[in-house]
Amino acid sequence: TLRVYERQGWTRINRGRALMELRLQHGILT
């Protein structure tokens, strides 16, 4: 799952940490 998210750009791995930022507004999820 982590590898799929990384390929999709939903997460990025930096110094051994997987970083994700999610924002929801007016029904749009970023």
PDB file of all heavy atoms in Angstrom:
ATOM      1  N   THR A   1       0.834  -1.208   0.000  1.00  0.00           N
ATOM      2  CA  THR A   1       0.000   0.000   0.000  1.00  0.00           C
ATOM      3  C   THR A   1       0.861   1.246   0.000  1.00  0.00           C
ATOM      4  O   THR A   1       0.594   2.210  -0.729  1.00  0.00           O
ATOM      5  CB  THR A   1      -0.927   0.001   1.229  1.00  0.00           C
ATOM      6  OG1 THR A   1      -1.773  -1.148   1.189  1.00  0.00           O
ATOM      7  CG2 THR A   1      -1.782   1.265   1.252  1.00  0.00           C
ATOM      8  N   LEU A   2       1.922   1.253   0.813  1.00  0.00           N
ATOM      9  CA  LEU A   2       2.821   2.398   0.863  1.00  0.00           C
ATOM     10  C   LEU A   2       3.496   2.611  -0.489  1.00  0.00           C
ATOM     11  O   LEU A   2       3.630   3.753  -0.956  1.00  0.00           O
ATOM     12  CB  LEU A   2       3.867   2.199   1.960  1.00  0.00           C
ATOM     13  CG  LEU A   2       4.901   3.326   2.120  1.00  0.00           C
ATOM     14  CD1 LEU A   2       4.219   4.640   2.447  1.00  0.00           C
ATOM     15  CD2 LEU A   2       5.918   2.966   3.202  1.00  0.00           C
ATOM     16  N   ARG A   3       3.923   1.529  -1.145  1.00  0.00           N
ATOM     17  CA  ARG A   3       4.574   1.647  -2.458  1.00  0.00           C
ATOM     18  C   ARG A   3       3.606   2.209  -3.495  1.00  0.00           C
ATOM     19  O   ARG A   3       3.991   3.043  -4.327  1.00  0.00           O
ATOM     20  CB  ARG A   3       5.098   0.284  -2.908  1.00  0.00           C
ATOM     21  CG  ARG A   3       6.248  -0.254  -2.055  1.00  0.00           C
ATOM     22  CD  ARG A   3       6.849  -1.485  -2.686  1.00  0.00           C
ATOM     23  NE  ARG A   3       7.889  -2.056  -1.853  1.00  0.00           N
ATOM     24  CZ  ARG A   3       7.705  -3.101  -1.030  1.00  0.00           C
ATOM     25  NH1 ARG A   3       6.510  -3.679  -0.950  1.00  0.00           N
ATOM     26  NH2 ARG A   3       8.705  -3.555  -0.306  1.00  0.00           N
ATOM     27  N   VAL A   4       2.344   1.763  -3.463  1.00  0.00           N
ATOM     28  CA  VAL A   4       1.335   2.276  -4.391  1.00  0.00           C
ATOM     29  C   VAL A   4       1.115   3.764  -4.157  1.00  0.00           C
ATOM     30  O   VAL A   4       1.056   4.565  -5.100  1.00  0.00           O
ATOM     31  CB  VAL A   4       0.012   1.495  -4.237  1.00  0.00           C
ATOM     32  CG1 VAL A   4      -1.114   2.187  -5.015  1.00  0.00           C
ATOM     33  CG2 VAL A   4       0.171   0.059  -4.710  1.00  0.00           C
ATOM     34  N   TYR A   5       0.983   4.172  -2.892  1.00  0.00           N
ATOM     35  CA  TYR A   5       0.781   5.584  -2.569  1.00  0.00           C
ATOM     36  C   TYR A   5       1.961   6.425  -3.034  1.00  0.00           C
ATOM     37  O   TYR A   5       1.782   7.555  -3.510  1.00  0.00           O
ATOM     38  CB  TYR A   5       0.576   5.759  -1.064  1.00  0.00           C
ATOM     39  CG  TYR A   5      -0.799   5.398  -0.562  1.00  0.00           C
ATOM     40  CD1 TYR A   5      -1.723   4.765  -1.396  1.00  0.00           C
ATOM     41  CD2 TYR A   5      -1.185   5.671   0.736  1.00  0.00           C
ATOM     42  CE1 TYR A   5      -2.983   4.424  -0.933  1.00  0.00           C
ATOM     43  CE2 TYR A   5      -2.452   5.335   1.209  1.00  0.00           C
ATOM     44  CZ  TYR A   5      -3.334   4.708   0.366  1.00  0.00           C
ATOM     45  OH  TYR A   5      -4.580   4.375   0.819  1.00  0.00           O
ATOM     46  N   GLU A   6       3.174   5.867  -2.897  1.00  0.00           N
ATOM     47  CA  GLU A   6       4.354   6.612  -3.334  1.00  0.00           C
ATOM     48  C   GLU A   6       4.356   6.778  -4.857  1.00  0.00           C
ATOM     49  O   GLU A   6       4.663   7.859  -5.375  1.00  0.00           O
ATOM     50  CB  GLU A   6       5.627   5.903  -2.877  1.00  0.00           C
ATOM     51  CG  GLU A   6       6.894   6.714  -3.136  1.00  0.00           C
ATOM     52  CD  GLU A   6       8.141   6.013  -2.667  1.00  0.00           C
ATOM     53  OE1 GLU A   6       8.090   4.797  -2.406  1.00  0.00           O
ATOM     54  OE2 GLU A   6       9.193   6.683  -2.552  1.00  0.00           O
ATOM     55  N   ARG A   7       3.988   5.726  -5.599  1.00  0.00           N
ATOM     56  CA  ARG A   7       3.930   5.819  -7.060  1.00  0.00           C
ATOM     57  C   ARG A   7       2.868   6.820  -7.505  1.00  0.00           C
ATOM     58  O   ARG A   7       3.036   7.532  -8.499  1.00  0.00           O
ATOM     59  CB  ARG A   7       3.639   4.442  -7.669  1.00  0.00           C
ATOM     60  CG  ARG A   7       4.818   3.465  -7.586  1.00  0.00           C
ATOM     61  CD  ARG A   7       4.617   2.291  -8.518  1.00  0.00           C
ATOM     62  NE  ARG A   7       3.457   1.497  -8.151  1.00  0.00           N
ATOM     63  CZ  ARG A   7       3.502   0.427  -7.347  1.00  0.00           C
ATOM     64  NH1 ARG A   7       4.665   0.038  -6.813  1.00  0.00           N
ATOM     65  NH2 ARG A   7       2.420  -0.259  -7.069  1.00  0.00           N
ATOM     66  N   GLN A   8       1.759   6.878  -6.772  1.00  0.00           N
ATOM     67  CA  GLN A   8       0.682   7.812  -7.126  1.00  0.00           C
ATOM     68  C   GLN A   8       0.982   9.239  -6.691  1.00  0.00           C
ATOM     69  O   GLN A   8       0.255  10.162  -7.048  1.00  0.00           O
ATOM     70  CB  GLN A   8      -0.636   7.345  -6.491  1.00  0.00           C
ATOM     71  CG  GLN A   8      -1.186   6.067  -7.085  1.00  0.00           C
ATOM     72  CD  GLN A   8      -2.450   5.616  -6.371  1.00  0.00           C
ATOM     73  OE1 GLN A   8      -2.638   5.836  -5.177  1.00  0.00           O
ATOM     74  NE2 GLN A   8      -3.342   4.978  -7.114  1.00  0.00           N
ATOM     75  N   GLY A   9       2.026   9.410  -5.908  1.00  0.00           N
ATOM     76  CA  GLY A   9       2.349  10.742  -5.421  1.00  0.00           C
ATOM     77  C   GLY A   9       1.566  11.140  -4.188  1.00  0.00           C
ATOM     78  O   GLY A   9       1.615  12.300  -3.765  1.00  0.00           O
ATOM     79  N   TRP A  10       0.856  10.193  -3.581  1.00  0.00           N
ATOM     80  CA  TRP A  10       0.085  10.498  -2.381  1.00  0.00           C
ATOM     81  C   TRP A  10       0.955  10.565  -1.140  1.00  0.00           C
ATOM     82  O   TRP A  10       0.526  11.072  -0.101  1.00  0.00           O
ATOM     83  CB  TRP A  10      -1.018   9.460  -2.179  1.00  0.00           C
ATOM     84  CG  TRP A  10      -2.121   9.565  -3.182  1.00  0.00           C
ATOM     85  CD1 TRP A  10      -2.194  10.447  -4.235  1.00  0.00           C
ATOM     86  CD2 TRP A  10      -3.300   8.776  -3.244  1.00  0.00           C
ATOM     87  NE1 TRP A  10      -3.346  10.244  -4.942  1.00  0.00           N
ATOM     88  CE2 TRP A  10      -4.043   9.220  -4.356  1.00  0.00           C
ATOM     89  CE3 TRP A  10      -3.794   7.727  -2.481  1.00  0.00           C
ATOM     90  CZ2 TRP A  10      -5.261   8.669  -4.725  1.00  0.00           C
ATOM     91  CZ3 TRP A  10      -5.014   7.160  -2.841  1.00  0.00           C
ATOM     92  CH2 TRP A  10      -5.733   7.635  -3.941  1.00  0.00           C
ATOM     93  N   THR A  11       2.167  10.036  -1.232  1.00  0.00           N
ATOM     94  CA  THR A  11       3.103  10.141  -0.122  1.00  0.00           C
ATOM     95  C   THR A  11       4.508  10.285  -0.694  1.00  0.00           C
ATOM     96  O   THR A  11       4.776   9.873  -1.824  1.00  0.00           O
ATOM     97  CB  THR A  11       3.037   8.903   0.799  1.00  0.00           C
ATOM     98  OG1 THR A  11       3.873   9.119   1.938  1.00  0.00           O
ATOM     99  CG2 THR A  11       3.512   7.651   0.074  1.00  0.00           C
ATOM    100  N   ARG A  12       5.384  10.889   0.081  1.00  0.00           N
ATOM    101  CA  ARG A  12       6.792  10.966  -0.306  1.00  0.00           C
ATOM    102  C   ARG A  12       7.626  10.549   0.887  1.00  0.00           C
ATOM    103  O   ARG A  12       7.278  10.822   2.038  1.00  0.00           O
ATOM    104  CB  ARG A  12       7.173  12.370  -0.779  1.00  0.00           C
ATOM    105  CG  ARG A  12       7.002  13.465   0.245  1.00  0.00           C
ATOM    106  CD  ARG A  12       7.292  14.829  -0.352  1.00  0.00           C
ATOM    107  NE  ARG A  12       7.127  15.901   0.621  1.00  0.00           N
ATOM    108  CZ  ARG A  12       8.084  16.319   1.439  1.00  0.00           C
ATOM    109  NH1 ARG A  12       9.282  15.748   1.390  1.00  0.00           N
ATOM    110  NH2 ARG A  12       7.865  17.290   2.296  1.00  0.00           N
ATOM    111  N   ILE A  13       8.703   9.839   0.613  1.00  0.00           N
ATOM    112  CA  ILE A  13       9.551   9.321   1.678  1.00  0.00           C
ATOM    113  C   ILE A  13      10.815  10.157   1.764  1.00  0.00           C
ATOM    114  O   ILE A  13      11.513  10.359   0.771  1.00  0.00           O
ATOM    115  CB  ILE A  13       9.893   7.838   1.423  1.00  0.00           C
ATOM    116  CG1 ILE A  13       8.605   7.001   1.419  1.00  0.00           C
ATOM    117  CG2 ILE A  13      10.848   7.319   2.492  1.00  0.00           C
ATOM    118  CD1 ILE A  13       8.817   5.535   1.141  1.00  0.00           C
ATOM    119  N   ASN A  14      11.069  10.660   2.957  1.00  0.00           N
ATOM    120  CA  ASN A  14      12.226  11.524   3.194  1.00  0.00           C
ATOM    121  C   ASN A  14      12.866  11.129   4.522  1.00  0.00           C
ATOM    122  O   ASN A  14      12.221  11.176   5.570  1.00  0.00           O
ATOM    123  CB  ASN A  14      11.786  12.988   3.219  1.00  0.00           C
ATOM    124  CG  ASN A  14      12.947  13.940   3.414  1.00  0.00           C
ATOM    125  OD1 ASN A  14      14.072  13.661   3.005  1.00  0.00           O
ATOM    126  ND2 ASN A  14      12.687  15.082   4.041  1.00  0.00           N
ATOM    127  N   ARG A  15      14.139  10.687   4.451  1.00  0.00           N
ATOM    128  CA  ARG A  15      14.891  10.312   5.651  1.00  0.00           C
ATOM    129  C   ARG A  15      14.152   9.271   6.492  1.00  0.00           C
ATOM    130  O   ARG A  15      14.071   9.362   7.721  1.00  0.00           O
ATOM    131  CB  ARG A  15      15.205  11.544   6.493  1.00  0.00           C
ATOM    132  CG  ARG A  15      16.098  12.558   5.788  1.00  0.00           C
ATOM    133  CD  ARG A  15      16.423  13.739   6.668  1.00  0.00           C
ATOM    134  NE  ARG A  15      17.272  14.697   5.976  1.00  0.00           N
ATOM    135  CZ  ARG A  15      17.708  15.827   6.504  1.00  0.00           C
ATOM    136  NH1 ARG A  15      17.366  16.146   7.760  1.00  0.00           N
ATOM    137  NH2 ARG A  15      18.471  16.656   5.815  1.00  0.00           N
ATOM    138  N   GLY A  16      13.588   8.296   5.816  1.00  0.00           N
ATOM    139  CA  GLY A  16      12.936   7.187   6.507  1.00  0.00           C
ATOM    140  C   GLY A  16      11.537   7.485   7.002  1.00  0.00           C
ATOM    141  O   GLY A  16      10.931   6.642   7.681  1.00  0.00           O
ATOM    142  N   ARG A  17      10.993   8.661   6.657  1.00  0.00           N
ATOM    143  CA  ARG A  17       9.635   9.015   7.084  1.00  0.00           C
ATOM    144  C   ARG A  17       8.744   9.173   5.857  1.00  0.00           C
ATOM    145  O   ARG A  17       9.138   9.780   4.855  1.00  0.00           O
ATOM    146  CB  ARG A  17       9.636  10.324   7.881  1.00  0.00           C
ATOM    147  CG  ARG A  17      10.595  10.358   9.044  1.00  0.00           C
ATOM    148  CD  ARG A  17      10.210   9.393  10.143  1.00  0.00           C
ATOM    149  NE  ARG A  17       9.053   9.842  10.883  1.00  0.00           N
ATOM    150  CZ  ARG A  17       8.491   9.145  11.871  1.00  0.00           C
ATOM    151  NH1 ARG A  17       8.981   7.956  12.207  1.00  0.00           N
ATOM    152  NH2 ARG A  17       7.443   9.600  12.506  1.00  0.00           N
ATOM    153  N   ALA A  18       7.556   8.592   5.922  1.00  0.00           N
ATOM    154  CA  ALA A  18       6.560   8.744   4.863  1.00  0.00           C
ATOM    155  C   ALA A  18       5.671   9.934   5.219  1.00  0.00           C
ATOM    156  O   ALA A  18       5.030   9.949   6.278  1.00  0.00           O
ATOM    157  CB  ALA A  18       5.718   7.476   4.718  1.00  0.00           C
ATOM    158  N   LEU A  19       5.645  10.941   4.349  1.00  0.00           N
ATOM    159  CA  LEU A  19       4.948  12.194   4.621  1.00  0.00           C
ATOM    160  C   LEU A  19       3.706  12.303   3.750  1.00  0.00           C
ATOM    161  O   LEU A  19       3.772  12.133   2.529  1.00  0.00           O
ATOM    162  CB  LEU A  19       5.877  13.377   4.373  1.00  0.00           C
ATOM    163  CG  LEU A  19       7.263  13.298   5.028  1.00  0.00           C
ATOM    164  CD1 LEU A  19       8.102  14.503   4.648  1.00  0.00           C
ATOM    165  CD2 LEU A  19       7.133  13.182   6.546  1.00  0.00           C
ATOM    166  N   MET A  20       2.578  12.597   4.371  1.00  0.00           N
ATOM    167  CA  MET A  20       1.317  12.785   3.647  1.00  0.00           C
ATOM    168  C   MET A  20       0.604  14.011   4.201  1.00  0.00           C
ATOM    169  O   MET A  20       0.545  14.212   5.418  1.00  0.00           O
ATOM    170  CB  MET A  20       0.407  11.561   3.790  1.00  0.00           C
ATOM    171  CG  MET A  20       0.920  10.297   3.146  1.00  0.00           C
ATOM    172  SD  MET A  20      -0.264   8.928   3.302  1.00  0.00           S
ATOM    173  CE  MET A  20      -1.578   9.523   2.232  1.00  0.00           C
ATOM    174  N   GLU A  21       0.055  14.814   3.307  1.00  0.00           N
ATOM    175  CA  GLU A  21      -0.738  15.977   3.708  1.00  0.00           C
ATOM    176  C   GLU A  21      -2.076  15.924   2.982  1.00  0.00           C
ATOM    177  O   GLU A  21      -2.122  15.888   1.752  1.00  0.00           O
ATOM    178  CB  GLU A  21      -0.015  17.275   3.383  1.00  0.00           C
ATOM    179  CG  GLU A  21      -0.734  18.504   3.915  1.00  0.00           C
ATOM    180  CD  GLU A  21       0.078  19.775   3.762  1.00  0.00           C
ATOM    181  OE1 GLU A  21       1.159  19.702   3.141  1.00  0.00           O
ATOM    182  OE2 GLU A  21      -0.370  20.828   4.247  1.00  0.00           O
ATOM    183  N   LEU A  22      -3.153  15.910   3.745  1.00  0.00           N
ATOM    184  CA  LEU A  22      -4.496  15.832   3.185  1.00  0.00           C
ATOM    185  C   LEU A  22      -5.273  17.079   3.589  1.00  0.00           C
ATOM    186  O   LEU A  22      -5.208  17.519   4.745  1.00  0.00           O
ATOM    187  CB  LEU A  22      -5.240  14.589   3.687  1.00  0.00           C
ATOM    188  CG  LEU A  22      -4.671  13.219   3.321  1.00  0.00           C
ATOM    189  CD1 LEU A  22      -3.606  12.797   4.326  1.00  0.00           C
ATOM    190  CD2 LEU A  22      -5.769  12.165   3.274  1.00  0.00           C
ATOM    191  N   ARG A  23      -6.018  17.626   2.618  1.00  0.00           N
ATOM    192  CA  ARG A  23      -6.887  18.768   2.895  1.00  0.00           C
ATOM    193  C   ARG A  23      -8.251  18.515   2.264  1.00  0.00           C
ATOM    194  O   ARG A  23      -8.340  18.040   1.121  1.00  0.00           O
ATOM    195  CB  ARG A  23      -6.293  20.067   2.341  1.00  0.00           C
ATOM    196  CG  ARG A  23      -4.993  20.471   3.016  1.00  0.00           C
ATOM    197  CD  ARG A  23      -4.485  21.820   2.523  1.00  0.00           C
ATOM    198  NE  ARG A  23      -3.234  22.184   3.154  1.00  0.00           N
ATOM    199  CZ  ARG A  23      -3.151  22.774   4.343  1.00  0.00           C
ATOM    200  NH1 ARG A  23      -4.258  23.073   5.006  1.00  0.00           N
ATOM    201  NH2 ARG A  23      -1.972  23.078   4.858  1.00  0.00           N
ATOM    202  N   LEU A  24      -9.296  18.837   3.019  1.00  0.00           N
ATOM    203  CA  LEU A  24     -10.667  18.658   2.543  1.00  0.00           C
ATOM    204  C   LEU A  24     -11.396  19.985   2.619  1.00  0.00           C
ATOM    205  O   LEU A  24     -11.412  20.628   3.673  1.00  0.00           O
ATOM    206  CB  LEU A  24     -11.396  17.612   3.398  1.00  0.00           C
ATOM    207  CG  LEU A  24     -12.883  17.404   3.101  1.00  0.00           C
ATOM    208  CD1 LEU A  24     -13.079  16.837   1.692  1.00  0.00           C
ATOM    209  CD2 LEU A  24     -13.508  16.483   4.139  1.00  0.00           C
ATOM    210  N   GLN A  25     -11.989  20.395   1.505  1.00  0.00           N
ATOM    211  CA  GLN A  25     -12.762  21.631   1.481  1.00  0.00           C
ATOM    212  C   GLN A  25     -13.776  21.559   0.354  1.00  0.00           C
ATOM    213  O   GLN A  25     -13.429  21.233  -0.789  1.00  0.00           O
ATOM    214  CB  GLN A  25     -11.853  22.845   1.294  1.00  0.00           C
ATOM    215  CG  GLN A  25     -12.569  24.177   1.481  1.00  0.00           C
ATOM    216  CD  GLN A  25     -11.600  25.341   1.534  1.00  0.00           C
ATOM    217  OE1 GLN A  25     -10.451  25.234   1.125  1.00  0.00           O
ATOM    218  NE2 GLN A  25     -12.046  26.479   2.049  1.00  0.00           N
ATOM    219  N   HIS A  26     -15.045  21.818   0.685  1.00  0.00           N
ATOM    220  CA  HIS A  26     -16.136  21.821  -0.298  1.00  0.00           C
ATOM    221  C   HIS A  26     -16.205  20.514  -1.091  1.00  0.00           C
ATOM    222  O   HIS A  26     -16.459  20.498  -2.292  1.00  0.00           O
ATOM    223  CB  HIS A  26     -15.993  22.997  -1.273  1.00  0.00           C
ATOM    224  CG  HIS A  26     -15.901  24.330  -0.600  1.00  0.00           C
ATOM    225  ND1 HIS A  26     -16.808  24.760   0.347  1.00  0.00           N
ATOM    226  CD2 HIS A  26     -14.980  25.327  -0.725  1.00  0.00           C
ATOM    227  CE1 HIS A  26     -16.472  25.969   0.771  1.00  0.00           C
ATOM    228  NE2 HIS A  26     -15.365  26.329   0.146  1.00  0.00           N
ATOM    229  N   GLY A  27     -15.949  19.397  -0.406  1.00  0.00           N
ATOM    230  CA  GLY A  27     -16.050  18.105  -1.066  1.00  0.00           C
ATOM    231  C   GLY A  27     -14.868  17.747  -1.938  1.00  0.00           C
ATOM    232  O   GLY A  27     -14.892  16.722  -2.623  1.00  0.00           O
ATOM    233  N   ILE A  28     -13.820  18.576  -1.953  1.00  0.00           N
ATOM    234  CA  ILE A  28     -12.611  18.299  -2.723  1.00  0.00           C
ATOM    235  C   ILE A  28     -11.506  17.878  -1.760  1.00  0.00           C
ATOM    236  O   ILE A  28     -11.164  18.608  -0.830  1.00  0.00           O
ATOM    237  CB  ILE A  28     -12.142  19.526  -3.531  1.00  0.00           C
ATOM    238  CG1 ILE A  28     -13.260  19.992  -4.484  1.00  0.00           C
ATOM    239  CG2 ILE A  28     -10.881  19.198  -4.311  1.00  0.00           C
ATOM    240  CD1 ILE A  28     -13.625  18.980  -5.551  1.00  0.00           C
ATOM    241  N   LEU A  29     -10.954  16.680  -1.985  1.00  0.00           N
ATOM    242  CA  LEU A  29      -9.879  16.168  -1.163  1.00  0.00           C
ATOM    243  C   LEU A  29      -8.558  16.325  -1.907  1.00  0.00           C
ATOM    244  O   LEU A  29      -8.421  15.863  -3.046  1.00  0.00           O
ATOM    245  CB  LEU A  29     -10.115  14.692  -0.835  1.00  0.00           C
ATOM    246  CG  LEU A  29      -9.047  14.003   0.025  1.00  0.00           C
ATOM    247  CD1 LEU A  29      -8.997  14.635   1.418  1.00  0.00           C
ATOM    248  CD2 LEU A  29      -9.333  12.514   0.128  1.00  0.00           C
ATOM    249  N   THR A  30      -7.606  16.996  -1.285  1.00  0.00           N
ATOM    250  CA  THR A  30      -6.279  17.185  -1.865  1.00  0.00           C
ATOM    251  C   THR A  30      -5.277  16.348  -1.084  1.00  0.00           C
ATOM    252  O   THR A  30      -5.154  16.501   0.133  1.00  0.00           O
ATOM    253  CB  THR A  30      -5.864  18.666  -1.821  1.00  0.00           C
ATOM    254  OG1 THR A  30      -6.849  19.455  -2.487  1.00  0.00           O
ATOM    255  CG2 THR A  30      -4.520  18.867  -2.506  1.00  0.00           C
TER     256      THR A  30
END
